[in-house]
């Protein structure tokens, strides 16, 4: 069974860099890691992730986590355990 990670981010480059460092130090690596980015400035993709861009919209609520999760789930086709990596 695959272990799939999901991170929803936007305009948090320092946090995303720290998260990449911590994930690289794990003994059990993710099989796939999806990063959904909806920031005003697109983040630099992490080499071994599947980086998906959800363009910010004027109609977005203040907190876009739900929109990003919905967007991610429309792209994740694998079966497995889904972990939210924050």
PDB file of N, CA and C in Angstrom:
ATOM      1  N   UNK A   1       0.850  -1.172   0.000  1.00  0.00           N
ATOM      2  CA  UNK A   1       0.000   0.000   0.000  1.00  0.00           C
ATOM      3  C   UNK A   1       0.894   1.233   0.000  1.00  0.00           C
ATOM      4  N   UNK A   2       0.554   2.192  -0.862  1.00  0.00           N
ATOM      5  CA  UNK A   2       1.344   3.410  -0.957  1.00  0.00           C
ATOM      6  C   UNK A   2       1.032   4.373   0.187  1.00  0.00           C
ATOM      7  N   UNK A   3       2.050   5.106   0.576  1.00  0.00           N
ATOM      8  CA  UNK A   3       1.872   6.191   1.539  1.00  0.00           C
ATOM      9  C   UNK A   3       2.005   7.489   0.758  1.00  0.00           C
ATOM     10  N   UNK A   4       0.917   8.248   0.743  1.00  0.00           N
ATOM     11  CA  UNK A   4       0.833   9.461  -0.056  1.00  0.00           C
ATOM     12  C   UNK A   4       0.748  10.659   0.891  1.00  0.00           C
ATOM     13  N   UNK A   5       1.611  11.624   0.681  1.00  0.00           N
ATOM     14  CA  UNK A   5       1.599  12.839   1.479  1.00  0.00           C
ATOM     15  C   UNK A   5       0.898  13.962   0.737  1.00  0.00           C
ATOM     16  N   UNK A   6       0.267  14.841   1.487  1.00  0.00           N
ATOM     17  CA  UNK A   6      -0.400  16.003   0.911  1.00  0.00           C
ATOM     18  C   UNK A   6      -0.085  17.231   1.755  1.00  0.00           C
ATOM     19  N   UNK A   7       0.453  18.246   1.101  1.00  0.00           N
ATOM     20  CA  UNK A   7       0.718  19.521   1.757  1.00  0.00           C
ATOM     21  C   UNK A   7       0.032  20.616   0.956  1.00  0.00           C
ATOM     22  N   UNK A   8      -0.778  21.396   1.625  1.00  0.00           N
ATOM     23  CA  UNK A   8      -1.423  22.556   1.011  1.00  0.00           C
ATOM     24  C   UNK A   8      -0.696  23.790   1.520  1.00  0.00           C
ATOM     25  N   UNK A   9      -0.206  24.602   0.597  1.00  0.00           N
ATOM     26  CA  UNK A   9       0.601  25.744   0.999  1.00  0.00           C
ATOM     27  C   UNK A   9       0.308  26.947   0.129  1.00  0.00           C
ATOM     28  N   UNK A  10       0.729  28.069   0.588  1.00  0.00           N
ATOM     29  CA  UNK A  10       0.624  29.300  -0.185  1.00  0.00           C
ATOM     30  C   UNK A  10       1.392  30.399   0.517  1.00  0.00           C
ATOM     31  N   UNK A  11       2.390  30.903  -0.154  1.00  0.00           N
ATOM     32  CA  UNK A  11       3.194  32.007   0.368  1.00  0.00           C
ATOM     33  C   UNK A  11       3.827  31.697   1.723  1.00  0.00           C
ATOM     34  N   UNK A  12       4.319  30.467   1.867  1.00  0.00           N
ATOM     35  CA  UNK A  12       5.018  30.067   3.101  1.00  0.00           C
ATOM     36  C   UNK A  12       6.353  29.404   2.743  1.00  0.00           C
ATOM     37  N   UNK A  13       7.250  30.101   2.048  1.00  0.00           N
ATOM     38  CA  UNK A  13       8.483  29.464   1.584  1.00  0.00           C
ATOM     39  C   UNK A  13       9.378  28.952   2.705  1.00  0.00           C
ATOM     40  N   UNK A  14       9.470  29.667   3.809  1.00  0.00           N
ATOM     41  CA  UNK A  14      10.316  29.227   4.917  1.00  0.00           C
ATOM     42  C   UNK A  14       9.767  27.924   5.495  1.00  0.00           C
ATOM     43  N   UNK A  15       8.465  27.880   5.710  1.00  0.00           N
ATOM     44  CA  UNK A  15       7.834  26.672   6.255  1.00  0.00           C
ATOM     45  C   UNK A  15       8.005  25.488   5.302  1.00  0.00           C
ATOM     46  N   UNK A  16       7.823  25.732   4.010  1.00  0.00           N
ATOM     47  CA  UNK A  16       7.951  24.650   3.035  1.00  0.00           C
ATOM     48  C   UNK A  16       9.392  24.143   2.977  1.00  0.00           C
ATOM     49  N   UNK A  17      10.358  25.034   3.082  1.00  0.00           N
ATOM     50  CA  UNK A  17      11.768  24.614   3.099  1.00  0.00           C
ATOM     51  C   UNK A  17      12.082  23.768   4.325  1.00  0.00           C
ATOM     52  N   UNK A  18      11.565  24.169   5.483  1.00  0.00           N
ATOM     53  CA  UNK A  18      11.759  23.370   6.697  1.00  0.00           C
ATOM     54  C   UNK A  18      11.095  22.011   6.562  1.00  0.00           C
ATOM     55  N   UNK A  19       9.899  21.990   6.017  1.00  0.00           N
ATOM     56  CA  UNK A  19       9.172  20.730   5.843  1.00  0.00           C
ATOM     57  C   UNK A  19       9.939  19.789   4.917  1.00  0.00           C
ATOM     58  N   UNK A  20      10.508  20.328   3.847  1.00  0.00           N
ATOM     59  CA  UNK A  20      11.316  19.512   2.936  1.00  0.00           C
ATOM     60  C   UNK A  20      12.504  18.900   3.683  1.00  0.00           C
ATOM     61  N   UNK A  21      13.164  19.705   4.498  1.00  0.00           N
ATOM     62  CA  UNK A  21      14.317  19.220   5.272  1.00  0.00           C
ATOM     63  C   UNK A  21      13.893  18.076   6.192  1.00  0.00           C
ATOM     64  N   UNK A  22      12.790  18.273   6.905  1.00  0.00           N
ATOM     65  CA  UNK A  22      12.327  17.250   7.842  1.00  0.00           C
ATOM     66  C   UNK A  22      11.880  15.983   7.114  1.00  0.00           C
ATOM     67  N   UNK A  23      11.225  16.136   5.972  1.00  0.00           N
ATOM     68  CA  UNK A  23      10.774  14.959   5.220  1.00  0.00           C
ATOM     69  C   UNK A  23      11.960  14.192   4.642  1.00  0.00           C
ATOM     70  N   UNK A  24      13.002  14.906   4.244  1.00  0.00           N
ATOM     71  CA  UNK A  24      14.209  14.241   3.735  1.00  0.00           C
ATOM     72  C   UNK A  24      14.917  13.430   4.812  1.00  0.00           C
ATOM     73  N   UNK A  25      14.697  13.769   6.087  1.00  0.00           N
ATOM     74  CA  UNK A  25      15.348  13.059   7.188  1.00  0.00           C
ATOM     75  C   UNK A  25      14.548  11.868   7.712  1.00  0.00           C
ATOM     76  N   UNK A  26      13.387  11.623   7.155  1.00  0.00           N
ATOM     77  CA  UNK A  26      12.562  10.499   7.612  1.00  0.00           C
ATOM     78  C   UNK A  26      13.170   9.174   7.174  1.00  0.00           C
ATOM     79  N   UNK A  27      13.056   8.151   8.017  1.00  0.00           N
ATOM     80  CA  UNK A  27      13.557   6.835   7.636  1.00  0.00           C
ATOM     81  C   UNK A  27      12.588   6.124   6.685  1.00  0.00           C
ATOM     82  N   UNK A  28      11.304   6.372   6.837  1.00  0.00           N
ATOM     83  CA  UNK A  28      10.309   5.808   5.910  1.00  0.00           C
ATOM     84  C   UNK A  28       9.840   6.939   5.005  1.00  0.00           C
ATOM     85  N   UNK A  29      10.254   6.880   3.760  1.00  0.00           N
ATOM     86  CA  UNK A  29       9.916   7.936   2.809  1.00  0.00           C
ATOM     87  C   UNK A  29       8.493   7.738   2.280  1.00  0.00           C
ATOM     88  N   UNK A  30       7.887   8.834   1.887  1.00  0.00           N
ATOM     89  CA  UNK A  30       6.588   8.780   1.226  1.00  0.00           C
ATOM     90  C   UNK A  30       6.771   8.170  -0.165  1.00  0.00           C
ATOM     91  N   UNK A  31       5.758   7.459  -0.639  1.00  0.00           N
ATOM     92  CA  UNK A  31       5.802   6.965  -2.007  1.00  0.00           C
ATOM     93  C   UNK A  31       5.531   8.101  -2.990  1.00  0.00           C
ATOM     94  N   UNK A  32       4.627   8.987  -2.612  1.00  0.00           N
ATOM     95  CA  UNK A  32       4.322  10.178  -3.412  1.00  0.00           C
ATOM     96  C   UNK A  32       4.018  11.309  -2.447  1.00  0.00           C
ATOM     97  N   UNK A  33       4.384  12.521  -2.860  1.00  0.00           N
ATOM     98  CA  UNK A  33       4.098  13.694  -2.035  1.00  0.00           C
ATOM     99  C   UNK A  33       3.549  14.786  -2.940  1.00  0.00           C
ATOM    100  N   UNK A  34       2.291  15.111  -2.742  1.00  0.00           N
ATOM    101  CA  UNK A  34       1.633  16.161  -3.499  1.00  0.00           C
ATOM    102  C   UNK A  34       1.716  17.468  -2.712  1.00  0.00           C
ATOM    103  N   UNK A  35       2.165  18.514  -3.378  1.00  0.00           N
ATOM    104  CA  UNK A  35       2.196  19.852  -2.786  1.00  0.00           C
ATOM    105  C   UNK A  35       1.268  20.728  -3.626  1.00  0.00           C
ATOM    106  N   UNK A  36       0.217  21.223  -3.003  1.00  0.00           N
ATOM    107  CA  UNK A  36      -0.736  22.100  -3.665  1.00  0.00           C
ATOM    108  C   UNK A  36      -0.413  23.523  -3.256  1.00  0.00           C
ATOM    109  N   UNK A  37      -0.117  24.357  -4.233  1.00  0.00           N
ATOM    110  CA  UNK A  37       0.321  25.725  -3.967  1.00  0.00           C
ATOM    111  C   UNK A  37      -0.689  26.705  -4.554  1.00  0.00           C
ATOM    112  N   UNK A  38      -1.233  27.566  -3.703  1.00  0.00           N
ATOM    113  CA  UNK A  38      -2.148  28.602  -4.196  1.00  0.00           C
ATOM    114  C   UNK A  38      -1.717  29.998  -3.741  1.00  0.00           C
ATOM    115  N   UNK A  39      -0.437  30.160  -3.525  1.00  0.00           N
ATOM    116  CA  UNK A  39       0.062  31.457  -3.070  1.00  0.00           C
ATOM    117  C   UNK A  39       0.050  32.502  -4.175  1.00  0.00           C
ATOM    118  N   UNK A  40       0.126  33.748  -3.762  1.00  0.00           N
ATOM    119  CA  UNK A  40       0.221  34.831  -4.740  1.00  0.00           C
ATOM    120  C   UNK A  40       1.523  34.709  -5.533  1.00  0.00           C
ATOM    121  N   UNK A  41       2.564  34.237  -4.850  1.00  0.00           N
ATOM    122  CA  UNK A  41       3.838  33.960  -5.513  1.00  0.00           C
ATOM    123  C   UNK A  41       4.057  32.454  -5.470  1.00  0.00           C
ATOM    124  N   UNK A  42       4.226  31.841  -6.625  1.00  0.00           N
ATOM    125  CA  UNK A  42       4.383  30.384  -6.674  1.00  0.00           C
ATOM    126  C   UNK A  42       5.668  29.958  -5.981  1.00  0.00           C
ATOM    127  N   UNK A  43       5.563  28.902  -5.163  1.00  0.00           N
ATOM    128  CA  UNK A  43       6.736  28.408  -4.452  1.00  0.00           C
ATOM    129  C   UNK A  43       7.649  27.631  -5.394  1.00  0.00           C
ATOM    130  N   UNK A  44       8.886  27.478  -4.994  1.00  0.00           N
ATOM    131  CA  UNK A  44       9.851  26.694  -5.763  1.00  0.00           C
ATOM    132  C   UNK A  44       9.530  25.220  -5.504  1.00  0.00           C
ATOM    133  N   UNK A  45       9.258  24.443  -6.574  1.00  0.00           N
ATOM    134  CA  UNK A  45       8.915  23.031  -6.369  1.00  0.00           C
ATOM    135  C   UNK A  45      10.059  22.247  -5.723  1.00  0.00           C
ATOM    136  N   UNK A  46       9.691  21.338  -4.851  1.00  0.00           N
ATOM    137  CA  UNK A  46      10.647  20.416  -4.235  1.00  0.00           C
ATOM    138  C   UNK A  46      10.868  19.287  -5.237  1.00  0.00           C
ATOM    139  N   UNK A  47      12.129  18.910  -5.438  1.00  0.00           N
ATOM    140  CA  UNK A  47      12.488  17.961  -6.497  1.00  0.00           C
ATOM    141  C   UNK A  47      11.613  16.711  -6.556  1.00  0.00           C
ATOM    142  N   UNK A  48      11.395  16.056  -5.455  1.00  0.00           N
ATOM    143  CA  UNK A  48      10.742  14.749  -5.496  1.00  0.00           C
ATOM    144  C   UNK A  48       9.248  14.800  -5.198  1.00  0.00           C
ATOM    145  N   UNK A  49       8.663  15.980  -5.312  1.00  0.00           N
ATOM    146  CA  UNK A  49       7.227  16.110  -5.083  1.00  0.00           C
ATOM    147  C   UNK A  49       6.469  16.269  -6.395  1.00  0.00           C
ATOM    148  N   UNK A  50       5.183  16.084  -6.305  1.00  0.00           N
ATOM    149  CA  UNK A  50       4.285  16.404  -7.405  1.00  0.00           C
ATOM    150  C   UNK A  50       3.700  17.764  -7.040  1.00  0.00           C
ATOM    151  N   UNK A  51       4.191  18.785  -7.689  1.00  0.00           N
ATOM    152  CA  UNK A  51       3.854  20.170  -7.360  1.00  0.00           C
ATOM    153  C   UNK A  51       2.700  20.602  -8.263  1.00  0.00           C
ATOM    154  N   UNK A  52       1.561  20.895  -7.666  1.00  0.00           N
ATOM    155  CA  UNK A  52       0.389  21.322  -8.425  1.00  0.00           C
ATOM    156  C   UNK A  52       0.016  22.742  -8.032  1.00  0.00           C
ATOM    157  N   UNK A  53      -0.286  23.518  -9.009  1.00  0.00           N
ATOM    158  CA  UNK A  53      -0.624  24.929  -8.797  1.00  0.00           C
ATOM    159  C   UNK A  53      -2.136  25.125  -8.901  1.00  0.00           C
ATOM    160  N   UNK A  54      -2.722  25.679  -7.829  1.00  0.00           N
ATOM    161  CA  UNK A  54      -4.117  26.110  -7.882  1.00  0.00           C
ATOM    162  C   UNK A  54      -4.074  27.622  -7.850  1.00  0.00           C
ATOM    163  N   UNK A  55      -4.431  28.241  -8.957  1.00  0.00           N
ATOM    164  CA  UNK A  55      -4.352  29.700  -9.036  1.00  0.00           C
ATOM    165  C   UNK A  55      -5.312  30.338  -8.047  1.00  0.00           C
ATOM    166  N   UNK A  56      -4.828  31.324  -7.299  1.00  0.00           N
ATOM    167  CA  UNK A  56      -5.715  32.023  -6.379  1.00  0.00           C
ATOM    168  C   UNK A  56      -6.808  32.756  -7.169  1.00  0.00           C
ATOM    169  N   UNK A  57      -7.997  32.771  -6.580  1.00  0.00           N
ATOM    170  CA  UNK A  57      -9.125  33.420  -7.230  1.00  0.00           C
ATOM    171  C   UNK A  57      -9.662  34.524  -6.325  1.00  0.00           C
ATOM    172  N   UNK A  58     -10.208  35.550  -6.916  1.00  0.00           N
ATOM    173  CA  UNK A  58     -10.767  36.656  -6.137  1.00  0.00           C
ATOM    174  C   UNK A  58     -11.912  36.193  -5.248  1.00  0.00           C
ATOM    175  N   UNK A  59     -12.563  35.105  -5.634  1.00  0.00           N
ATOM    176  CA  UNK A  59     -13.703  34.588  -4.869  1.00  0.00           C
ATOM    177  C   UNK A  59     -13.287  33.612  -3.769  1.00  0.00           C
ATOM    178  N   UNK A  60     -11.979  33.352  -3.632  1.00  0.00           N
ATOM    179  CA  UNK A  60     -11.503  32.437  -2.591  1.00  0.00           C
ATOM    180  C   UNK A  60     -11.838  32.993  -1.206  1.00  0.00           C
ATOM    181  N   UNK A  61     -12.174  32.091  -0.273  1.00  0.00           N
ATOM    182  CA  UNK A  61     -12.330  32.537   1.112  1.00  0.00           C
ATOM    183  C   UNK A  61     -10.966  32.902   1.690  1.00  0.00           C
ATOM    184  N   UNK A  62     -10.975  33.482   2.876  1.00  0.00           N
ATOM    185  CA  UNK A  62      -9.717  33.872   3.528  1.00  0.00           C
ATOM    186  C   UNK A  62      -8.798  32.657   3.721  1.00  0.00           C
ATOM    187  N   UNK A  63      -9.377  31.546   4.134  1.00  0.00           N
ATOM    188  CA  UNK A  63      -8.613  30.306   4.326  1.00  0.00           C
ATOM    189  C   UNK A  63      -8.993  29.343   3.209  1.00  0.00           C
ATOM    190  N   UNK A  64      -7.995  28.894   2.449  1.00  0.00           N
ATOM    191  CA  UNK A  64      -8.264  28.106   1.248  1.00  0.00           C
ATOM    192  C   UNK A  64      -7.945  26.621   1.404  1.00  0.00           C
ATOM    193  N   UNK A  65      -7.770  26.159   2.624  1.00  0.00           N
ATOM    194  CA  UNK A  65      -7.419  24.757   2.834  1.00  0.00           C
ATOM    195  C   UNK A  65      -8.439  23.817   2.188  1.00  0.00           C
ATOM    196  N   UNK A  66      -9.715  24.049   2.403  1.00  0.00           N
ATOM    197  CA  UNK A  66     -10.739  23.162   1.829  1.00  0.00           C
ATOM    198  C   UNK A  66     -10.684  23.148   0.310  1.00  0.00           C
ATOM    199  N   UNK A  67     -10.497  24.299  -0.305  1.00  0.00           N
ATOM    200  CA  UNK A  67     -10.401  24.377  -1.764  1.00  0.00           C
ATOM    201  C   UNK A  67      -9.167  23.630  -2.267  1.00  0.00           C
ATOM    202  N   UNK A  68      -8.078  23.741  -1.532  1.00  0.00           N
ATOM    203  CA  UNK A  68      -6.846  23.048  -1.935  1.00  0.00           C
ATOM    204  C   UNK A  68      -6.969  21.540  -1.783  1.00  0.00           C
ATOM    205  N   UNK A  69      -7.612  21.090  -0.731  1.00  0.00           N
ATOM    206  CA  UNK A  69      -7.816  19.645  -0.547  1.00  0.00           C
ATOM    207  C   UNK A  69      -8.705  19.103  -1.662  1.00  0.00           C
ATOM    208  N   UNK A  70      -9.780  19.795  -1.962  1.00  0.00           N
ATOM    209  CA  UNK A  70     -10.681  19.366  -3.045  1.00  0.00           C
ATOM    210  C   UNK A  70      -9.914  19.304  -4.368  1.00  0.00           C
ATOM    211  N   UNK A  71      -9.098  20.310  -4.643  1.00  0.00           N
ATOM    212  CA  UNK A  71      -8.274  20.342  -5.850  1.00  0.00           C
ATOM    213  C   UNK A  71      -7.311  19.142  -5.861  1.00  0.00           C
ATOM    214  N   UNK A  72      -6.674  18.886  -4.737  1.00  0.00           N
ATOM    215  CA  UNK A  72      -5.719  17.776  -4.645  1.00  0.00           C
ATOM    216  C   UNK A  72      -6.395  16.434  -4.891  1.00  0.00           C
ATOM    217  N   UNK A  73      -7.542  16.236  -4.275  1.00  0.00           N
ATOM    218  CA  UNK A  73      -8.223  14.944  -4.406  1.00  0.00           C
ATOM    219  C   UNK A  73      -8.668  14.673  -5.838  1.00  0.00           C
ATOM    220  N   UNK A  74      -8.859  15.719  -6.621  1.00  0.00           N
ATOM    221  CA  UNK A  74      -9.211  15.507  -8.027  1.00  0.00           C
ATOM    222  C   UNK A  74      -7.993  15.066  -8.844  1.00  0.00           C
ATOM    223  N   UNK A  75      -6.789  15.190  -8.288  1.00  0.00           N
ATOM    224  CA  UNK A  75      -5.560  14.803  -8.989  1.00  0.00           C
ATOM    225  C   UNK A  75      -4.930  13.514  -8.463  1.00  0.00           C
ATOM    226  N   UNK A  76      -5.220  13.155  -7.239  1.00  0.00           N
ATOM    227  CA  UNK A  76      -4.621  11.946  -6.647  1.00  0.00           C
ATOM    228  C   UNK A  76      -5.407  10.732  -7.123  1.00  0.00           C
ATOM    229  N   UNK A  77      -4.742   9.861  -7.864  1.00  0.00           N
ATOM    230  CA  UNK A  77      -5.409   8.684  -8.431  1.00  0.00           C
ATOM    231  C   UNK A  77      -4.967   7.387  -7.758  1.00  0.00           C
ATOM    232  N   UNK A  78      -3.890   7.441  -6.988  1.00  0.00           N
ATOM    233  CA  UNK A  78      -3.364   6.243  -6.336  1.00  0.00           C
ATOM    234  C   UNK A  78      -4.255   5.840  -5.165  1.00  0.00           C
ATOM    235  N   UNK A  79      -4.225   4.581  -4.838  1.00  0.00           N
ATOM    236  CA  UNK A  79      -4.864   4.119  -3.619  1.00  0.00           C
ATOM    237  C   UNK A  79      -3.785   3.966  -2.566  1.00  0.00           C
ATOM    238  N   UNK A  80      -4.139   4.278  -1.338  1.00  0.00           N
ATOM    239  CA  UNK A  80      -3.179   4.140  -0.269  1.00  0.00           C
ATOM    240  C   UNK A  80      -3.595   4.945   0.924  1.00  0.00           C
ATOM    241  N   UNK A  81      -2.655   5.156   1.804  1.00  0.00           N
ATOM    242  CA  UNK A  81      -2.879   5.938   3.019  1.00  0.00           C
ATOM    243  C   UNK A  81      -2.503   7.382   2.705  1.00  0.00           C
ATOM    244  N   UNK A  82      -3.412   8.301   2.993  1.00  0.00           N
ATOM    245  CA  UNK A  82      -3.161   9.718   2.736  1.00  0.00           C
ATOM    246  C   UNK A  82      -2.805  10.408   4.050  1.00  0.00           C
ATOM    247  N   UNK A  83      -1.626  11.020   4.083  1.00  0.00           N
ATOM    248  CA  UNK A  83      -1.163  11.746   5.254  1.00  0.00           C
ATOM    249  C   UNK A  83      -1.102  13.229   4.938  1.00  0.00           C
ATOM    250  N   UNK A  84      -1.624  14.038   5.814  1.00  0.00           N
ATOM    251  CA  UNK A  84      -1.502  15.485   5.658  1.00  0.00           C
ATOM    252  C   UNK A  84      -0.186  15.899   6.305  1.00  0.00           C
ATOM    253  N   UNK A  85       0.693  16.456   5.497  1.00  0.00           N
ATOM    254  CA  UNK A  85       2.028  16.831   5.953  1.00  0.00           C
ATOM    255  C   UNK A  85       2.060  18.340   6.086  1.00  0.00           C
ATOM    256  N   UNK A  86       2.152  18.811   7.326  1.00  0.00           N
ATOM    257  CA  UNK A  86       2.163  20.253   7.586  1.00  0.00           C
ATOM    258  C   UNK A  86       3.304  20.601   8.506  1.00  0.00           C
TER     259      UNK A  86
END
